[in-house]
Amino acid sequence: MELPFIETKIDNYTFIREFSNDVDEMDLVWHEDPENRKIEVIEGNGWKFQYDDQLPFEMIDGVEFIILKGQIHRVIKGYGSLKIKLQKNIL
C-alpha cells in the first residue's frame, strides 16, 4: 500500500509530512508506530487526530503532542492539506 503522505527528511530523527487534500480517507487507517514520536502541526485546517478510546482533537497550527510506541491512533481528514513536523525516538 502506498503511504498517504509525502515525507521530507530533515535529519535522522526529524521529518516533514504533508497529507494532500485529495488523500483517500480510506488510506488514513488506525495504526501503531515502532517508536515514540513528537508531532508539531505546521499547517492544518479541520484535520483531527485520535488516540484509540479517546475523542479526536483538532490539529491546528502550533499544536504539539506525543505518540508513544505501540499506541494505536489515526488521522482524520480535514480541508486542504495537512503539514506536520515529526520527530522519532524523542523520549
Protein backbone atom coordinates (compact mmCIF):
# COMPACT_ATOMS: atom_id res chain seq x y z
CA MET A 1 0.00 0.00 0.00
CA GLU A 2 1.25 3.45 -0.88
CA LEU A 3 1.67 5.84 2.05
CA PRO A 4 -0.98 8.60 2.26
CA PHE A 5 1.62 11.38 2.65
CA ILE A 6 4.79 12.82 1.16
CA GLU A 7 7.74 12.82 3.56
CA THR A 8 10.82 15.05 3.55
CA LYS A 9 13.74 14.01 5.77
CA ILE A 10 15.31 16.87 7.76
CA ASP A 11 17.76 14.70 9.76
CA ASN A 12 17.89 11.13 11.10
CA TYR A 13 15.05 11.81 13.55
CA THR A 14 13.06 14.69 12.04
CA PHE A 15 10.68 14.61 9.08
CA ILE A 16 8.10 16.88 7.47
CA ARG A 17 4.97 15.06 6.34
CA GLU A 18 2.36 16.51 4.03
CA PHE A 19 -1.06 14.97 3.56
CA SER A 20 -2.75 16.22 0.39
CA ASN A 21 -6.31 17.50 0.21
CA ASP A 22 -7.11 14.66 -2.21
CA VAL A 23 -5.87 11.81 0.02
CA ASP A 24 -8.43 9.00 0.19
CA GLU A 25 -9.94 8.87 3.69
CA MET A 26 -9.80 5.06 3.48
CA ASP A 27 -5.98 5.32 3.48
CA LEU A 28 -5.99 7.06 6.88
CA VAL A 29 -6.17 3.86 8.92
CA TRP A 30 -5.80 3.05 12.61
CA HIS A 31 -2.18 2.04 13.22
CA GLU A 32 0.68 2.00 15.71
CA ASP A 33 4.27 3.15 15.33
CA PRO A 34 7.50 1.33 16.24
CA GLU A 35 8.94 4.25 18.24
CA ASN A 36 7.92 7.27 20.34
CA ARG A 37 7.10 10.36 18.30
CA LYS A 38 6.58 14.05 18.88
CA ILE A 39 4.25 15.79 16.44
CA GLU A 40 4.02 19.52 15.75
CA VAL A 41 1.27 20.77 13.44
CA ILE A 42 2.70 23.25 10.94
CA GLU A 43 -0.45 23.71 8.89
CA GLY A 44 -3.88 22.16 9.28
CA ASN A 45 -7.48 23.04 8.52
CA GLY A 46 -10.11 20.84 10.13
CA TRP A 47 -7.83 17.78 10.29
CA LYS A 48 -8.10 15.79 13.52
CA PHE A 49 -6.00 13.30 15.45
CA GLN A 50 -7.46 10.47 17.51
CA TYR A 51 -5.90 8.09 20.02
CA ASP A 52 -7.71 4.76 20.46
CA ASP A 53 -10.56 5.03 23.02
CA GLN A 54 -10.39 8.85 23.06
CA LEU A 55 -12.27 11.62 21.32
CA PRO A 56 -10.46 13.23 18.37
CA PHE A 57 -8.92 16.70 18.70
CA GLU A 58 -8.31 19.30 16.02
CA MET A 59 -4.81 19.58 14.59
CA ILE A 60 -4.45 23.37 14.48
CA ASP A 61 -1.26 25.26 13.68
CA GLY A 62 1.27 25.08 16.53
CA VAL A 63 -0.31 22.17 18.43
CA GLU A 64 2.23 19.64 19.73
CA PHE A 65 1.57 16.15 21.06
CA ILE A 66 3.29 12.82 21.75
CA ILE A 67 2.53 9.39 20.29
CA LEU A 68 4.03 6.59 22.37
CA LYS A 69 5.47 3.44 20.80
CA GLY A 70 2.65 0.97 20.15
CA GLN A 71 -0.12 3.49 20.87
CA ILE A 72 -2.97 2.99 18.39
CA HIS A 73 -4.09 6.16 16.62
CA ARG A 74 -5.31 7.70 13.38
CA VAL A 75 -5.57 10.96 11.44
CA ILE A 76 -8.99 12.18 10.30
CA LYS A 77 -9.14 14.15 7.06
CA GLY A 78 -9.99 17.84 7.13
CA TYR A 79 -9.93 20.53 4.45
CA GLY A 80 -6.95 21.48 2.35
CA SER A 81 -3.63 19.87 3.16
CA LEU A 82 -2.06 18.91 6.48
CA LYS A 83 1.62 19.56 7.20
CA ILE A 84 3.32 18.21 10.33
CA LYS A 85 6.81 18.00 11.78
CA LEU A 86 7.50 14.53 13.15
CA GLN A 87 10.39 13.69 15.50
CA LYS A 88 11.10 10.00 16.11
CA ASN A 89 12.68 8.46 19.22
CA ILE A 90 12.18 11.59 21.31
CA LEU A 91 11.74 10.01 24.76
